[in-house]
C-alpha atoms as a PDB file:
ATOM      1  CA  UNK A   1      -7.746 -24.102 -21.918  1.00  0.00           C
ATOM      2  CA  UNK A   2      -6.309 -27.092 -20.775  1.00  0.00           C
ATOM      3  CA  UNK A   3      -7.900 -28.820 -18.424  1.00  0.00           C
ATOM      4  CA  UNK A   4      -5.289 -29.033 -15.646  1.00  0.00           C
ATOM      5  CA  UNK A   5      -5.778 -24.766 -16.070  1.00  0.00           C
ATOM      6  CA  UNK A   6      -9.936 -25.301 -15.783  1.00  0.00           C
ATOM      7  CA  UNK A   7      -9.741 -27.300 -12.655  1.00  0.00           C
ATOM      8  CA  UNK A   8      -6.957 -24.424 -11.201  1.00  0.00           C
ATOM      9  CA  UNK A   9      -9.040 -22.194 -11.793  1.00  0.00           C
ATOM     10  CA  UNK A  10     -12.365 -23.969 -10.423  1.00  0.00           C
ATOM     11  CA  UNK A  11     -10.266 -24.873  -7.450  1.00  0.00           C
ATOM     12  CA  UNK A  12      -9.278 -21.241  -6.818  1.00  0.00           C
ATOM     13  CA  UNK A  13     -12.767 -20.153  -6.750  1.00  0.00           C
ATOM     14  CA  UNK A  14     -13.828 -22.355  -4.906  1.00  0.00           C
ATOM     15  CA  UNK A  15     -11.284 -21.104  -2.417  1.00  0.00           C
ATOM     16  CA  UNK A  16     -12.001 -17.481  -2.680  1.00  0.00           C
ATOM     17  CA  UNK A  17     -15.297 -18.360  -1.961  1.00  0.00           C
ATOM     18  CA  UNK A  18     -14.999 -20.222   1.189  1.00  0.00           C
ATOM     19  CA  UNK A  19     -12.203 -17.675   2.411  1.00  0.00           C
ATOM     20  CA  UNK A  20     -13.868 -14.454   1.525  1.00  0.00           C
ATOM     21  CA  UNK A  21     -12.130 -12.445  -0.831  1.00  0.00           C
ATOM     22  CA  UNK A  22     -13.968  -9.769   0.211  1.00  0.00           C
ATOM     23  CA  UNK A  23     -11.038  -7.766   2.387  1.00  0.00           C
ATOM     24  CA  UNK A  24     -10.250  -5.684  -1.063  1.00  0.00           C
ATOM     25  CA  UNK A  25     -13.576  -4.432  -1.761  1.00  0.00           C
ATOM     26  CA  UNK A  26     -13.652  -0.961  -0.158  1.00  0.00           C
ATOM     27  CA  UNK A  27     -11.529   2.192  -0.708  1.00  0.00           C
ATOM     28  CA  UNK A  28      -8.221   2.020   0.993  1.00  0.00           C
ATOM     29  CA  UNK A  29      -8.355   5.478   1.141  1.00  0.00           C
ATOM     30  CA  UNK A  30     -10.679   5.334   4.421  1.00  0.00           C
ATOM     31  CA  UNK A  31      -8.216   3.115   5.962  1.00  0.00           C
ATOM     32  CA  UNK A  32      -6.080   6.597   6.451  1.00  0.00           C
ATOM     33  CA  UNK A  33      -8.847   7.864   9.177  1.00  0.00           C
ATOM     34  CA  UNK A  34      -7.699   5.481  11.682  1.00  0.00           C
ATOM     35  CA  UNK A  35      -4.174   7.121  12.081  1.00  0.00           C
ATOM     36  CA  UNK A  36      -4.501   8.688  15.506  1.00  0.00           C
ATOM     37  CA  UNK A  37      -3.499  12.495  16.320  1.00  0.00           C
ATOM     38  CA  UNK A  38       0.097  11.941  18.303  1.00  0.00           C
ATOM     39  CA  UNK A  39       1.621  15.256  19.432  1.00  0.00           C
ATOM     40  CA  UNK A  40       4.397  13.978  22.037  1.00  0.00           C
ATOM     41  CA  UNK A  41       6.356  10.868  22.296  1.00  0.00           C
ATOM     42  CA  UNK A  42       4.789  10.145  25.403  1.00  0.00           C
ATOM     43  CA  UNK A  43       1.740  10.252  23.446  1.00  0.00           C
ATOM     44  CA  UNK A  44       3.055   7.717  21.248  1.00  0.00           C
ATOM     45  CA  UNK A  45       4.300   5.436  23.732  1.00  0.00           C
ATOM     46  CA  UNK A  46       0.911   5.191  25.344  1.00  0.00           C
ATOM     47  CA  UNK A  47      -0.811   4.497  22.085  1.00  0.00           C
ATOM     48  CA  UNK A  48       1.701   1.595  20.849  1.00  0.00           C
ATOM     49  CA  UNK A  49       0.858  -0.103  24.185  1.00  0.00           C
ATOM     50  CA  UNK A  50      -2.666   0.195  23.501  1.00  0.00           C
ATOM     51  CA  UNK A  51      -3.278  -0.052  27.023  1.00  0.00           C
ATOM     52  CA  UNK A  52      -6.896   1.834  27.076  1.00  0.00           C
ATOM     53  CA  UNK A  53      -7.773  -0.203  23.215  1.00  0.00           C
ATOM     54  CA  UNK A  54      -7.507   3.202  21.865  1.00  0.00           C
ATOM     55  CA  UNK A  55      -5.365   1.845  18.976  1.00  0.00           C
ATOM     56  CA  UNK A  56      -8.218  -1.048  17.585  1.00  0.00           C
ATOM     57  CA  UNK A  57      -8.975   0.699  14.741  1.00  0.00           C
ATOM     58  CA  UNK A  58      -6.073   1.590  13.774  1.00  0.00           C
ATOM     59  CA  UNK A  59      -4.815  -1.897  13.827  1.00  0.00           C
ATOM     60  CA  UNK A  60      -7.949  -3.179  12.258  1.00  0.00           C
ATOM     61  CA  UNK A  61      -6.563  -0.948   9.155  1.00  0.00           C
ATOM     62  CA  UNK A  62      -3.096  -2.415   8.869  1.00  0.00           C
ATOM     63  CA  UNK A  63      -4.693  -6.086   9.391  1.00  0.00           C
ATOM     64  CA  UNK A  64      -7.119  -5.276   7.008  1.00  0.00           C
ATOM     65  CA  UNK A  65      -4.809  -4.033   4.066  1.00  0.00           C
ATOM     66  CA  UNK A  66      -2.739  -6.918   4.464  1.00  0.00           C
ATOM     67  CA  UNK A  67      -6.266  -9.189   4.092  1.00  0.00           C
ATOM     68  CA  UNK A  68      -6.950  -7.193   1.577  1.00  0.00           C
ATOM     69  CA  UNK A  69      -3.260  -7.539  -0.560  1.00  0.00           C
ATOM     70  CA  UNK A  70      -3.688 -11.396  -0.338  1.00  0.00           C
ATOM     71  CA  UNK A  71      -7.394 -11.501  -1.357  1.00  0.00           C
ATOM     72  CA  UNK A  72      -6.767  -9.230  -4.175  1.00  0.00           C
ATOM     73  CA  UNK A  73      -3.856 -11.278  -5.433  1.00  0.00           C
ATOM     74  CA  UNK A  74      -6.190 -14.230  -5.582  1.00  0.00           C
ATOM     75  CA  UNK A  75      -8.386 -12.533  -7.200  1.00  0.00           C
ATOM     76  CA  UNK A  76      -6.148 -11.212 -10.200  1.00  0.00           C
ATOM     77  CA  UNK A  77      -4.727 -14.960 -10.601  1.00  0.00           C
ATOM     78  CA  UNK A  78      -8.602 -15.849 -10.878  1.00  0.00           C
ATOM     79  CA  UNK A  79      -9.467 -13.397 -13.646  1.00  0.00           C
ATOM     80  CA  UNK A  80      -5.880 -14.036 -15.688  1.00  0.00           C
ATOM     81  CA  UNK A  81      -6.666 -17.329 -15.305  1.00  0.00           C
ATOM     82  CA  UNK A  82     -10.587 -17.024 -16.459  1.00  0.00           C
ATOM     83  CA  UNK A  83     -12.300 -18.932 -19.745  1.00  0.00           C
ATOM     84  CA  UNK A  84     -13.113 -16.462 -22.458  1.00  0.00           C
ATOM     85  CA  UNK A  85     -14.758 -17.480 -25.311  1.00  0.00           C
ATOM     86  CA  UNK A  86     -13.132 -14.979 -27.541  1.00  0.00           C
ATOM     87  CA  UNK A  87     -11.065 -17.270 -29.871  1.00  0.00           C
ATOM     88  CA  UNK A  88     -13.350 -18.910 -32.632  1.00  0.00           C
ATOM     89  CA  UNK A  89     -11.610 -21.961 -32.555  1.00  0.00           C
ATOM     90  CA  UNK A  90      -9.844 -22.332 -29.262  1.00  0.00           C
ATOM     91  CA  UNK A  91     -11.971 -25.193 -26.846  1.00  0.00           C
ATOM     92  CA  UNK A  92     -14.693 -25.553 -29.844  1.00  0.00           C
ATOM     93  CA  UNK A  93     -17.927 -28.012 -29.587  1.00  0.00           C
ATOM     94  CA  UNK A  94     -18.163 -29.905 -32.824  1.00  0.00           C
ATOM     95  CA  UNK A  95     -22.148 -28.010 -32.529  1.00  0.00           C
ATOM     96  CA  UNK A  96     -19.773 -24.595 -32.281  1.00  0.00           C
ATOM     97  CA  UNK A  97     -17.423 -25.368 -35.014  1.00  0.00           C
ATOM     98  CA  UNK A  98     -20.740 -26.343 -37.438  1.00  0.00           C
ATOM     99  CA  UNK A  99     -21.886 -23.121 -36.720  1.00  0.00           C
ATOM    100  CA  UNK A 100     -19.223 -20.869 -37.398  1.00  0.00           C
ATOM    101  CA  UNK A 101     -18.695 -22.911 -40.701  1.00  0.00           C
ATOM    102  CA  UNK A 102     -22.698 -21.779 -41.490  1.00  0.00           C
ATOM    103  CA  UNK A 103     -21.437 -18.482 -40.632  1.00  0.00           C
ATOM    104  CA  UNK A 104     -18.413 -18.204 -42.650  1.00  0.00           C
ATOM    105  CA  UNK A 105     -20.342 -19.427 -45.746  1.00  0.00           C
ATOM    106  CA  UNK A 106     -22.137 -16.280 -45.651  1.00  0.00           C
ATOM    107  CA  UNK A 107     -19.313 -13.849 -45.204  1.00  0.00           C
ATOM    108  CA  UNK A 108     -18.493 -11.833 -48.170  1.00  0.00           C
ATOM    109  CA  UNK A 109     -14.991 -12.011 -49.285  1.00  0.00           C
ATOM    110  CA  UNK A 110     -14.029  -8.473 -47.258  1.00  0.00           C
ATOM    111  CA  UNK A 111     -15.501 -10.131 -44.067  1.00  0.00           C
ATOM    112  CA  UNK A 112     -13.494 -13.326 -44.620  1.00  0.00           C
ATOM    113  CA  UNK A 113     -10.393 -11.039 -44.824  1.00  0.00           C
ATOM    114  CA  UNK A 114     -11.358  -9.222 -41.622  1.00  0.00           C
ATOM    115  CA  UNK A 115     -11.956 -12.347 -40.083  1.00  0.00           C
ATOM    116  CA  UNK A 116      -9.012 -13.910 -40.972  1.00  0.00           C
ATOM    117  CA  UNK A 117      -6.324 -11.110 -40.451  1.00  0.00           C
ATOM    118  CA  UNK A 118      -7.846 -10.776 -36.929  1.00  0.00           C
ATOM    119  CA  UNK A 119      -7.613 -13.679 -35.557  1.00  0.00           C
ATOM    120  CA  UNK A 120      -4.164 -14.248 -37.167  1.00  0.00           C
ATOM    121  CA  UNK A 121      -2.665 -10.814 -35.135  1.00  0.00           C
ATOM    122  CA  UNK A 122      -5.107 -12.630 -32.010  1.00  0.00           C
ATOM    123  CA  UNK A 123      -2.974 -15.907 -32.485  1.00  0.00           C
ATOM    124  CA  UNK A 124       0.567 -13.780 -32.801  1.00  0.00           C
ATOM    125  CA  UNK A 125      -0.231 -12.208 -29.758  1.00  0.00           C
ATOM    126  CA  UNK A 126      -1.208 -15.527 -28.273  1.00  0.00           C
ATOM    127  CA  UNK A 127      -4.685 -13.797 -27.435  1.00  0.00           C
ATOM    128  CA  UNK A 128      -8.165 -14.264 -28.596  1.00  0.00           C
ATOM    129  CA  UNK A 129      -8.881 -12.746 -31.834  1.00  0.00           C
ATOM    130  CA  UNK A 130     -12.430 -11.719 -33.478  1.00  0.00           C
ATOM    131  CA  UNK A 131     -13.779 -11.139 -29.862  1.00  0.00           C
ATOM    132  CA  UNK A 132     -16.451  -9.403 -29.120  1.00  0.00           C
ATOM    133  CA  UNK A 133     -16.260  -6.848 -26.354  1.00  0.00           C
ATOM    134  CA  UNK A 134     -18.662  -7.729 -23.545  1.00  0.00           C
ATOM    135  CA  UNK A 135     -17.997  -4.668 -21.354  1.00  0.00           C
ATOM    136  CA  UNK A 136     -19.270  -2.466 -24.672  1.00  0.00           C
ATOM    137  CA  UNK A 137     -22.071  -1.385 -23.416  1.00  0.00           C
ATOM    138  CA  UNK A 138     -21.239  -1.410 -19.757  1.00  0.00           C
ATOM    139  CA  UNK A 139     -20.476   2.651 -19.264  1.00  0.00           C
ATOM    140  CA  UNK A 140     -19.482   2.495 -15.883  1.00  0.00           C
ATOM    141  CA  UNK A 141     -16.427  -0.275 -16.385  1.00  0.00           C
ATOM    142  CA  UNK A 142     -15.542   1.771 -19.718  1.00  0.00           C
ATOM    143  CA  UNK A 143     -15.136   5.319 -17.926  1.00  0.00           C
ATOM    144  CA  UNK A 144     -13.222   3.431 -15.019  1.00  0.00           C
ATOM    145  CA  UNK A 145     -11.446   1.787 -17.501  1.00  0.00           C
ATOM    146  CA  UNK A 146     -10.651   4.953 -19.742  1.00  0.00           C
ATOM    147  CA  UNK A 147      -9.818   7.310 -16.306  1.00  0.00           C
ATOM    148  CA  UNK A 148      -7.376   4.690 -15.241  1.00  0.00           C
ATOM    149  CA  UNK A 149      -5.486   4.185 -18.567  1.00  0.00           C
ATOM    150  CA  UNK A 150      -5.400   8.330 -18.896  1.00  0.00           C
ATOM    151  CA  UNK A 151      -4.031   8.404 -15.277  1.00  0.00           C
ATOM    152  CA  UNK A 152      -1.445   5.579 -16.009  1.00  0.00           C
ATOM    153  CA  UNK A 153      -0.290   7.457 -19.517  1.00  0.00           C
ATOM    154  CA  UNK A 154       0.359  10.505 -17.323  1.00  0.00           C
ATOM    155  CA  UNK A 155       1.891   8.928 -14.508  1.00  0.00           C
ATOM    156  CA  UNK A 156       4.350   7.353 -17.104  1.00  0.00           C
ATOM    157  CA  UNK A 157       5.767  10.975 -17.907  1.00  0.00           C
ATOM    158  CA  UNK A 158       7.522  10.906 -14.613  1.00  0.00           C
ATOM    159  CA  UNK A 159       9.294   8.365 -13.272  1.00  0.00           C
ATOM    160  CA  UNK A 160       8.694   7.831  -9.256  1.00  0.00           C
ATOM    161  CA  UNK A 161      11.213   8.130  -6.536  1.00  0.00           C
ATOM    162  CA  UNK A 162      10.215   5.351  -4.123  1.00  0.00           C
ATOM    163  CA  UNK A 163      12.876   6.837  -1.369  1.00  0.00           C
ATOM    164  CA  UNK A 164      11.031  10.172  -1.796  1.00  0.00           C
ATOM    165  CA  UNK A 165       9.516   9.496   1.618  1.00  0.00           C
ATOM    166  CA  UNK A 166      12.217   7.990   3.476  1.00  0.00           C
ATOM    167  CA  UNK A 167      15.025  10.476   2.156  1.00  0.00           C
ATOM    168  CA  UNK A 168      12.762  13.125   3.419  1.00  0.00           C
ATOM    169  CA  UNK A 169      12.594  11.753   6.618  1.00  0.00           C
ATOM    170  CA  UNK A 170      15.815  11.477   7.129  1.00  0.00           C
ATOM    171  CA  UNK A 171      16.368  15.013   6.167  1.00  0.00           C
ATOM    172  CA  UNK A 172      14.228  15.846   9.045  1.00  0.00           C
ATOM    173  CA  UNK A 173      16.335  13.520  11.486  1.00  0.00           C
ATOM    174  CA  UNK A 174      19.643  15.343  10.271  1.00  0.00           C
ATOM    175  CA  UNK A 175      18.058  18.856  10.415  1.00  0.00           C
ATOM    176  CA  UNK A 176      17.779  17.959  14.803  1.00  0.00           C
ATOM    177  CA  UNK A 177      20.961  16.266  14.456  1.00  0.00           C
ATOM    178  CA  UNK A 178      23.051  19.789  15.681  1.00  0.00           C
ATOM    179  CA  UNK A 179      20.708  20.128  18.588  1.00  0.00           C
ATOM    180  CA  UNK A 180      21.251  16.750  19.979  1.00  0.00           C
ATOM    181  CA  UNK A 181      25.056  16.981  19.284  1.00  0.00           C
ATOM    182  CA  UNK A 182      24.925  20.240  21.674  1.00  0.00           C
ATOM    183  CA  UNK A 183      22.802  18.744  24.452  1.00  0.00           C
ATOM    184  CA  UNK A 184      25.090  15.925  24.792  1.00  0.00           C
ATOM    185  CA  UNK A 185      28.064  18.266  24.501  1.00  0.00           C
ATOM    186  CA  UNK A 186      26.812  19.945  27.459  1.00  0.00           C
ATOM    187  CA  UNK A 187      25.630  17.124  29.313  1.00  0.00           C
ATOM    188  CA  UNK A 188      29.213  15.712  29.232  1.00  0.00           C
ATOM    189  CA  UNK A 189      30.902  18.853  30.050  1.00  0.00           C
ATOM    190  CA  UNK A 190      28.517  19.648  33.336  1.00  0.00           C
ATOM    191  CA  UNK A 191      28.401  15.674  34.480  1.00  0.00           C
ATOM    192  CA  UNK A 192      31.715  15.211  34.044  1.00  0.00           C
ATOM    193  CA  UNK A 193      31.640  12.065  32.090  1.00  0.00           C
ATOM    194  CA  UNK A 194      32.381  10.645  28.895  1.00  0.00           C
ATOM    195  CA  UNK A 195      28.619   8.691  28.009  1.00  0.00           C
ATOM    196  CA  UNK A 196      26.033   9.433  26.065  1.00  0.00           C
ATOM    197  CA  UNK A 197      22.825   8.706  27.763  1.00  0.00           C
ATOM    198  CA  UNK A 198      20.989   8.280  24.342  1.00  0.00           C
ATOM    199  CA  UNK A 199      22.706   4.865  24.110  1.00  0.00           C
ATOM    200  CA  UNK A 200      21.521   1.504  25.123  1.00  0.00           C
ATOM    201  CA  UNK A 201      24.914   1.018  27.625  1.00  0.00           C
ATOM    202  CA  UNK A 202      24.069   1.927  31.066  1.00  0.00           C
ATOM    203  CA  UNK A 203      26.631   4.313  32.815  1.00  0.00           C
ATOM    204  CA  UNK A 204      28.654   2.900  35.362  1.00  0.00           C
ATOM    205  CA  UNK A 205      30.187   4.610  38.174  1.00  0.00           C
ATOM    206  CA  UNK A 206      33.195   4.037  39.555  1.00  0.00           C
ATOM    207  CA  UNK A 207      34.143   5.628  43.009  1.00  0.00           C
ATOM    208  CA  UNK A 208      31.701   8.059  43.679  1.00  0.00           C
ATOM    209  CA  UNK A 209      30.571  10.281  46.238  1.00  0.00           C
ATOM    210  CA  UNK A 210      26.656  10.678  47.029  1.00  0.00           C
ATOM    211  CA  UNK A 211      27.169  14.568  45.952  1.00  0.00           C
ATOM    212  CA  UNK A 212      28.467  13.531  42.573  1.00  0.00           C
ATOM    213  CA  UNK A 213      26.079  10.611  42.132  1.00  0.00           C
ATOM    214  CA  UNK A 214      23.132  13.449  43.193  1.00  0.00           C
ATOM    215  CA  UNK A 215      24.966  16.112  40.346  1.00  0.00           C
ATOM    216  CA  UNK A 216      24.905  13.326  37.673  1.00  0.00           C
ATOM    217  CA  UNK A 217      21.380  12.802  38.401  1.00  0.00           C
ATOM    218  CA  UNK A 218      20.519  16.022  38.154  1.00  0.00           C
ATOM    219  CA  UNK A 219      22.425  16.876  34.849  1.00  0.00           C
ATOM    220  CA  UNK A 220      20.644  13.620  33.521  1.00  0.00           C
ATOM    221  CA  UNK A 221      17.359  15.023  34.440  1.00  0.00           C
ATOM    222  CA  UNK A 222      18.082  18.205  32.907  1.00  0.00           C
ATOM    223  CA  UNK A 223      19.352  16.577  29.524  1.00  0.00           C
ATOM    224  CA  UNK A 224      16.318  14.267  29.407  1.00  0.00           C
ATOM    225  CA  UNK A 225      13.662  17.143  29.654  1.00  0.00           C
ATOM    226  CA  UNK A 226      15.877  18.998  26.733  1.00  0.00           C
ATOM    227  CA  UNK A 227      16.316  16.198  24.492  1.00  0.00           C
ATOM    228  CA  UNK A 228      12.698  14.965  24.624  1.00  0.00           C
ATOM    229  CA  UNK A 229      11.314  18.471  23.374  1.00  0.00           C
ATOM    230  CA  UNK A 230      13.910  18.047  20.489  1.00  0.00           C
ATOM    231  CA  UNK A 231      12.000  14.818  19.873  1.00  0.00           C
ATOM    232  CA  UNK A 232       8.795  15.728  20.124  1.00  0.00           C
ATOM    233  CA  UNK A 233       9.600  18.687  18.028  1.00  0.00           C
ATOM    234  CA  UNK A 234      10.993  15.989  15.554  1.00  0.00           C
ATOM    235  CA  UNK A 235       8.730  13.287  15.675  1.00  0.00           C
ATOM    236  CA  UNK A 236       5.726  16.143  15.150  1.00  0.00           C
ATOM    237  CA  UNK A 237       7.596  17.403  12.012  1.00  0.00           C
ATOM    238  CA  UNK A 238       7.789  13.602  10.926  1.00  0.00           C
ATOM    239  CA  UNK A 239       4.317  12.294  11.388  1.00  0.00           C
ATOM    240  CA  UNK A 240       3.068  15.711   9.585  1.00  0.00           C
ATOM    241  CA  UNK A 241       4.792  15.324   6.582  1.00  0.00           C
ATOM    242  CA  UNK A 242       3.679  12.005   6.646  1.00  0.00           C
ATOM    243  CA  UNK A 243       0.084  13.056   7.035  1.00  0.00           C
ATOM    244  CA  UNK A 244       0.534  15.476   4.103  1.00  0.00           C
ATOM    245  CA  UNK A 245       1.631  13.012   1.764  1.00  0.00           C
ATOM    246  CA  UNK A 246      -1.535  10.969   3.012  1.00  0.00           C
ATOM    247  CA  UNK A 247      -4.177  13.760   2.223  1.00  0.00           C
ATOM    248  CA  UNK A 248      -1.962  14.344  -1.210  1.00  0.00           C
ATOM    249  CA  UNK A 249      -2.718  10.865  -1.727  1.00  0.00           C
ATOM    250  CA  UNK A 250      -6.077  11.000  -1.014  1.00  0.00           C
ATOM    251  CA  UNK A 251      -7.036  14.075  -3.466  1.00  0.00           C
ATOM    252  CA  UNK A 252      -4.803  12.096  -6.834  1.00  0.00           C
ATOM    253  CA  UNK A 253      -6.319   8.927  -6.105  1.00  0.00           C
ATOM    254  CA  UNK A 254     -10.094   9.397  -4.670  1.00  0.00           C
ATOM    255  CA  UNK A 255     -11.649   9.698  -7.961  1.00  0.00           C
ATOM    256  CA  UNK A 256      -9.638   6.471  -9.117  1.00  0.00           C
ATOM    257  CA  UNK A 257     -11.181   4.660  -5.885  1.00  0.00           C
ATOM    258  CA  UNK A 258     -14.354   5.569  -6.738  1.00  0.00           C
ATOM    259  CA  UNK A 259     -14.884   4.939 -10.373  1.00  0.00           C
ATOM    260  CA  UNK A 260     -13.432   1.253  -9.407  1.00  0.00           C
ATOM    261  CA  UNK A 261     -15.857   0.859  -6.767  1.00  0.00           C
ATOM    262  CA  UNK A 262     -18.590   1.741  -9.251  1.00  0.00           C
ATOM    263  CA  UNK A 263     -17.497  -1.345 -10.855  1.00  0.00           C
ATOM    264  CA  UNK A 264     -18.097  -3.359  -7.722  1.00  0.00           C
ATOM    265  CA  UNK A 265     -14.078  -3.749  -7.355  1.00  0.00           C
ATOM    266  CA  UNK A 266     -14.114  -4.954 -10.952  1.00  0.00           C
ATOM    267  CA  UNK A 267     -16.947  -7.918 -10.389  1.00  0.00           C
ATOM    268  CA  UNK A 268     -18.722  -5.927 -12.928  1.00  0.00           C
ATOM    269  CA  UNK A 269     -16.366  -6.022 -15.569  1.00  0.00           C
ATOM    270  CA  UNK A 270     -16.381  -9.109 -18.417  1.00  0.00           C
ATOM    271  CA  UNK A 271     -13.330  -8.586 -20.095  1.00  0.00           C
ATOM    272  CA  UNK A 272     -10.304 -10.128 -18.778  1.00  0.00           C
ATOM    273  CA  UNK A 273      -8.146  -7.005 -19.756  1.00  0.00           C
ATOM    274  CA  UNK A 274     -10.986  -4.508 -18.066  1.00  0.00           C
ATOM    275  CA  UNK A 275     -11.100  -6.710 -14.858  1.00  0.00           C
ATOM    276  CA  UNK A 276      -6.843  -7.012 -14.818  1.00  0.00           C
ATOM    277  CA  UNK A 277      -6.607  -3.502 -15.249  1.00  0.00           C
ATOM    278  CA  UNK A 278      -9.328  -2.321 -12.229  1.00  0.00           C
ATOM    279  CA  UNK A 279      -8.132  -5.039 -10.274  1.00  0.00           C
ATOM    280  CA  UNK A 280      -3.796  -3.412 -10.642  1.00  0.00           C
ATOM    281  CA  UNK A 281      -5.171  -0.057 -10.366  1.00  0.00           C
ATOM    282  CA  UNK A 282      -6.718  -0.576  -7.096  1.00  0.00           C
ATOM    283  CA  UNK A 283      -3.888  -2.840  -5.913  1.00  0.00           C
ATOM    284  CA  UNK A 284      -1.527   0.323  -7.203  1.00  0.00           C
ATOM    285  CA  UNK A 285      -3.497   2.305  -4.485  1.00  0.00           C
ATOM    286  CA  UNK A 286      -3.138  -0.221  -2.008  1.00  0.00           C
ATOM    287  CA  UNK A 287       0.007  -0.302  -2.328  1.00  0.00           C
ATOM    288  CA  UNK A 288       0.586   3.732  -1.713  1.00  0.00           C
ATOM    289  CA  UNK A 289      -1.426   3.654   1.080  1.00  0.00           C
ATOM    290  CA  UNK A 290       0.632   0.629   2.853  1.00  0.00           C
ATOM    291  CA  UNK A 291       3.289   2.565   2.532  1.00  0.00           C
ATOM    292  CA  UNK A 292       2.337   5.869   3.960  1.00  0.00           C
ATOM    293  CA  UNK A 293       0.832   3.658   6.927  1.00  0.00           C
ATOM    294  CA  UNK A 294       3.754   1.573   7.180  1.00  0.00           C
ATOM    295  CA  UNK A 295       5.987   4.821   7.321  1.00  0.00           C
ATOM    296  CA  UNK A 296       3.541   6.301   9.946  1.00  0.00           C
ATOM    297  CA  UNK A 297       3.873   3.467  12.175  1.00  0.00           C
ATOM    298  CA  UNK A 298       7.629   3.629  11.731  1.00  0.00           C
ATOM    299  CA  UNK A 299       7.532   6.885  13.353  1.00  0.00           C
ATOM    300  CA  UNK A 300       5.215   6.142  16.000  1.00  0.00           C
ATOM    301  CA  UNK A 301       7.371   3.142  17.354  1.00  0.00           C
ATOM    302  CA  UNK A 302      10.540   4.458  17.136  1.00  0.00           C
ATOM    303  CA  UNK A 303       9.688   7.473  19.252  1.00  0.00           C
ATOM    304  CA  UNK A 304       7.900   5.269  21.380  1.00  0.00           C
ATOM    305  CA  UNK A 305      11.026   3.056  22.214  1.00  0.00           C
ATOM    306  CA  UNK A 306      13.297   6.277  22.676  1.00  0.00           C
ATOM    307  CA  UNK A 307      10.672   7.696  25.009  1.00  0.00           C
ATOM    308  CA  UNK A 308      10.546   4.195  26.908  1.00  0.00           C
ATOM    309  CA  UNK A 309      14.393   4.550  26.733  1.00  0.00           C
ATOM    310  CA  UNK A 310      14.511   7.639  28.787  1.00  0.00           C
ATOM    311  CA  UNK A 311      12.248   6.835  31.375  1.00  0.00           C
ATOM    312  CA  UNK A 312      14.507   3.693  31.891  1.00  0.00           C
ATOM    313  CA  UNK A 313      17.224   5.787  33.034  1.00  0.00           C
END
């Protein structure tokens, strides 16, 4: 490794020591335990306001994910730039070169041929050759690597759909759209005004009697009550779907997280390739958890805003 590369790794390692780099050392699936039980739009409004500190654990989970992703990226960079003693000639000291020469003198022709082939293959791949696997006796690391490799092979057989959750949430939204349109039509018919109270634009009365204004307010109150029921049902179905996806994720990836945790989140792996595999698998789980957490959070904020809008009418 060049001197600049070595200095980079040393500086990065020092940075990680100073700033922790421990946030990612956790089972990310446990973060779902902070998801609140929300039944109504009013619940979502009160929760997102966090007036009683009930959302502290939930917010802490979000912050933990952000910190974990950053720290995990630093760890992955450090692993990919780590020094390995794999190449038989790279960065070799005079004493090491002499020792290798003496070792080769004792090799049989077949052993020398095997060594040359290994070294040539390593050079072609721009990777170390004739390398001894330092994790060969680490059962925990090897079991984790074998399990994760098998999972990756299975997952590659089915292309993931990144729009699966957003598309289904939109399907739920569309399901309730006819009810919302019917309530709006009824409101406009009985109130005699061509205005959508769900819009951000306020209704401005022209010349109207007190009786007309009172009738409008009554019709508006009836609409708010009924539309709130629709919003509650819509939100409940959306949150229920996301929670189902979180349970599926726990079922499918808990073994992955447990095996990664058993390696002390990659710390026990000596080989760069194994360490990188464990880091990447852990990062993949984190990204899936963050995706569902963000879906859940967006739904909460959306219906909290809808509730707040209705209260301002």
